[in-house]
Amino acid sequence: MSWSHTPFSIPGPRGERLIEILCLRNIGVQLSRGLVIFVEDEETLRKLGETILSRMGFEVSAHEDAESAFEKIKQNPNIVLLATDMSLPEMNGVNLAHKVRELGIQVPVLLMSGHDEADILEAGGVPPPGIMLQKPIGLAELRATVDSLLS
């Protein structure tokens, strides 16, 4: 939450300021933890991921394919996390992560997949810093993993 403050003073007997007090008031604005690129081709999962990450305090740019996500990353390389599905049309999540690395962007990568780890390694693996989560992913597991990657 963000807070607004209003200072006021308590005057002394000769008009000098004895105490200045800041009254804090919650103005309901949450500061962003940064921009997350979230890539998922299934609309329901994409909307769910976007909602969860937004509630965690992130600004989220959700994409249904790796190409549009890659273009967004090129336009705004100051992202804090790339969270991507493995199985995407045209370009998979591992290839997207490696293309981002080729740009010199060392953002943490969260690869979400229904495939096993051997398939991910065969595709090139998750570039560090990164981790793979096996689908289905629980809310607590997602939160803990994101927090761990960004700590």
Protein backbone atom coordinates (compact mmCIF):
# COMPACT_ATOMS: atom_id res chain seq x y z
CA MET A 1 0.00 0.00 0.00
CA SER A 2 1.03 3.58 -0.53
CA TRP A 3 0.55 6.22 2.11
CA SER A 4 -0.09 9.94 1.90
CA HIS A 5 1.00 12.13 4.78
CA THR A 6 -0.15 15.46 6.12
CA PRO A 7 2.22 17.18 8.55
CA PHE A 8 0.92 19.35 11.36
CA SER A 9 2.69 20.97 14.29
CA ILE A 10 1.84 21.43 17.93
CA PRO A 11 2.89 24.98 18.87
CA GLY A 12 4.71 25.76 22.12
CA PRO A 13 3.90 28.68 24.46
CA ARG A 14 5.98 31.16 22.43
CA GLY A 15 4.85 29.89 19.04
CA GLU A 16 7.81 27.57 18.49
CA ARG A 17 7.10 24.20 16.99
CA LEU A 18 7.38 21.56 19.71
CA ILE A 19 6.38 18.49 17.77
CA GLU A 20 5.69 17.81 14.13
CA ILE A 21 3.43 14.87 13.57
CA LEU A 22 2.84 13.14 10.28
CA CYS A 23 -0.64 11.77 9.86
CA LEU A 24 -0.59 8.82 7.51
CA ARG A 25 -3.55 8.01 5.36
CA ASN A 26 -3.85 4.93 3.20
CA ILE A 27 -4.63 6.07 -0.35
CA GLY A 28 -5.04 2.53 -1.71
CA VAL A 29 -2.27 2.59 -4.29
CA GLN A 30 0.05 -0.38 -4.36
CA LEU A 31 3.55 0.13 -5.67
CA SER A 32 4.46 -2.36 -8.39
CA ARG A 33 7.08 -5.01 -7.74
CA GLY A 34 8.05 -4.71 -11.41
CA LEU A 35 6.99 -5.97 -14.82
CA VAL A 36 6.43 -9.69 -15.38
CA ILE A 37 6.05 -11.13 -18.87
CA PHE A 38 3.57 -14.02 -18.63
CA VAL A 39 3.25 -16.32 -21.65
CA GLU A 40 0.51 -18.96 -21.85
CA ASP A 41 -1.43 -20.00 -24.95
CA GLU A 42 -4.47 -21.30 -23.04
CA GLU A 43 -6.69 -18.28 -22.38
CA THR A 44 -8.10 -19.47 -19.05
CA LEU A 45 -4.64 -20.18 -17.63
CA ARG A 46 -3.29 -16.92 -19.05
CA LYS A 47 -6.00 -14.88 -17.33
CA LEU A 48 -5.54 -16.82 -14.09
CA GLY A 49 -1.76 -16.30 -14.11
CA GLU A 50 -2.19 -12.62 -14.88
CA THR A 51 -4.63 -12.23 -11.98
CA ILE A 52 -2.42 -14.08 -9.49
CA LEU A 53 0.72 -12.15 -10.41
CA SER A 54 -1.18 -8.85 -10.34
CA ARG A 55 -2.44 -9.64 -6.85
CA MET A 56 1.16 -10.37 -5.84
CA GLY A 57 1.90 -6.75 -6.72
CA PHE A 58 3.38 -7.11 -10.19
CA GLU A 59 2.55 -5.28 -13.37
CA VAL A 60 1.79 -8.09 -15.83
CA SER A 61 2.05 -8.18 -19.59
CA ALA A 62 0.26 -11.39 -20.66
CA HIS A 63 0.86 -12.97 -24.06
CA GLU A 64 -0.58 -15.97 -25.88
CA ASP A 65 2.58 -16.62 -27.90
CA ALA A 66 6.34 -16.32 -27.55
CA GLU A 67 6.75 -13.95 -30.49
CA SER A 68 4.60 -11.18 -29.01
CA ALA A 69 6.26 -11.68 -25.62
CA PHE A 70 9.71 -11.41 -27.21
CA GLU A 71 8.73 -8.15 -28.95
CA LYS A 72 7.50 -6.73 -25.63
CA ILE A 73 10.77 -7.73 -23.94
CA LYS A 74 12.80 -6.05 -26.70
CA GLN A 75 10.76 -2.85 -26.16
CA ASN A 76 11.03 -3.05 -22.37
CA PRO A 77 14.09 -5.06 -21.26
CA ASN A 78 13.70 -4.00 -17.61
CA ILE A 79 11.42 -6.87 -16.69
CA VAL A 80 11.78 -8.66 -13.36
CA LEU A 81 10.53 -12.11 -14.43
CA LEU A 82 9.76 -14.13 -17.54
CA ALA A 83 7.09 -16.72 -16.70
CA THR A 84 6.34 -18.91 -19.69
CA ASP A 85 4.63 -22.11 -20.67
CA MET A 86 6.82 -24.65 -22.45
CA SER A 87 4.38 -25.66 -25.19
CA LEU A 88 3.57 -22.61 -27.28
CA PRO A 89 2.76 -22.19 -30.98
CA GLU A 90 5.75 -21.41 -33.24
CA MET A 91 8.41 -21.00 -30.51
CA ASN A 92 8.50 -22.92 -27.21
CA GLY A 93 9.23 -21.43 -23.79
CA VAL A 94 12.83 -22.73 -23.66
CA ASN A 95 13.64 -21.14 -27.02
CA LEU A 96 12.05 -17.88 -25.87
CA ALA A 97 14.18 -17.86 -22.71
CA HIS A 98 17.36 -18.49 -24.72
CA LYS A 99 16.48 -15.72 -27.22
CA VAL A 100 16.03 -13.34 -24.28
CA ARG A 101 19.50 -14.36 -23.03
CA GLU A 102 20.93 -13.64 -26.49
CA LEU A 103 19.74 -10.04 -26.01
CA GLY A 104 21.89 -9.89 -22.87
CA ILE A 105 18.89 -9.79 -20.53
CA GLN A 106 19.57 -11.87 -17.41
CA VAL A 107 16.00 -11.96 -16.11
CA PRO A 108 14.91 -14.93 -13.96
CA VAL A 109 12.88 -17.50 -15.91
CA LEU A 110 9.96 -19.53 -14.60
CA LEU A 111 9.15 -22.30 -17.09
CA MET A 112 5.80 -23.99 -16.54
CA SER A 113 5.25 -27.30 -18.25
CA GLY A 114 3.27 -30.49 -18.41
CA HIS A 115 6.37 -32.14 -19.89
CA ASP A 116 8.90 -33.91 -17.72
CA GLU A 117 12.31 -32.47 -16.96
CA ALA A 118 14.06 -34.73 -19.52
CA ASP A 119 12.02 -33.11 -22.32
CA ILE A 120 12.99 -29.66 -21.06
CA LEU A 121 16.68 -30.59 -20.92
CA GLU A 122 16.47 -32.07 -24.42
CA ALA A 123 14.99 -28.76 -25.65
CA GLY A 124 17.95 -26.84 -24.19
CA GLY A 125 17.04 -26.50 -20.52
CA VAL A 126 15.99 -23.49 -18.51
CA PRO A 127 18.77 -20.90 -18.58
CA PRO A 128 19.88 -19.73 -15.14
CA PRO A 129 18.62 -18.08 -13.13
CA GLY A 130 15.57 -20.15 -13.78
CA ILE A 131 13.41 -23.00 -12.64
CA MET A 132 10.81 -25.35 -14.07
CA LEU A 133 7.49 -26.02 -12.38
CA GLN A 134 5.50 -29.10 -13.34
CA LYS A 135 1.84 -28.43 -14.18
CA PRO A 136 -0.60 -28.37 -12.51
CA ILE A 137 0.85 -25.66 -10.27
CA GLY A 138 -0.74 -24.74 -6.95
CA LEU A 139 -1.14 -21.15 -5.85
CA ALA A 140 1.20 -21.52 -2.85
CA GLU A 141 3.85 -23.20 -5.01
CA LEU A 142 3.66 -20.43 -7.62
CA ARG A 143 3.92 -17.67 -5.01
CA ALA A 144 6.85 -19.34 -3.23
CA THR A 145 8.70 -19.99 -6.47
CA VAL A 146 8.28 -16.44 -7.76
CA ASP A 147 9.39 -14.99 -4.42
CA SER A 148 12.39 -17.35 -4.34
CA LEU A 149 13.45 -16.48 -7.90
CA LEU A 150 13.29 -12.76 -7.14
CA SER A 151 15.00 -12.83 -3.74
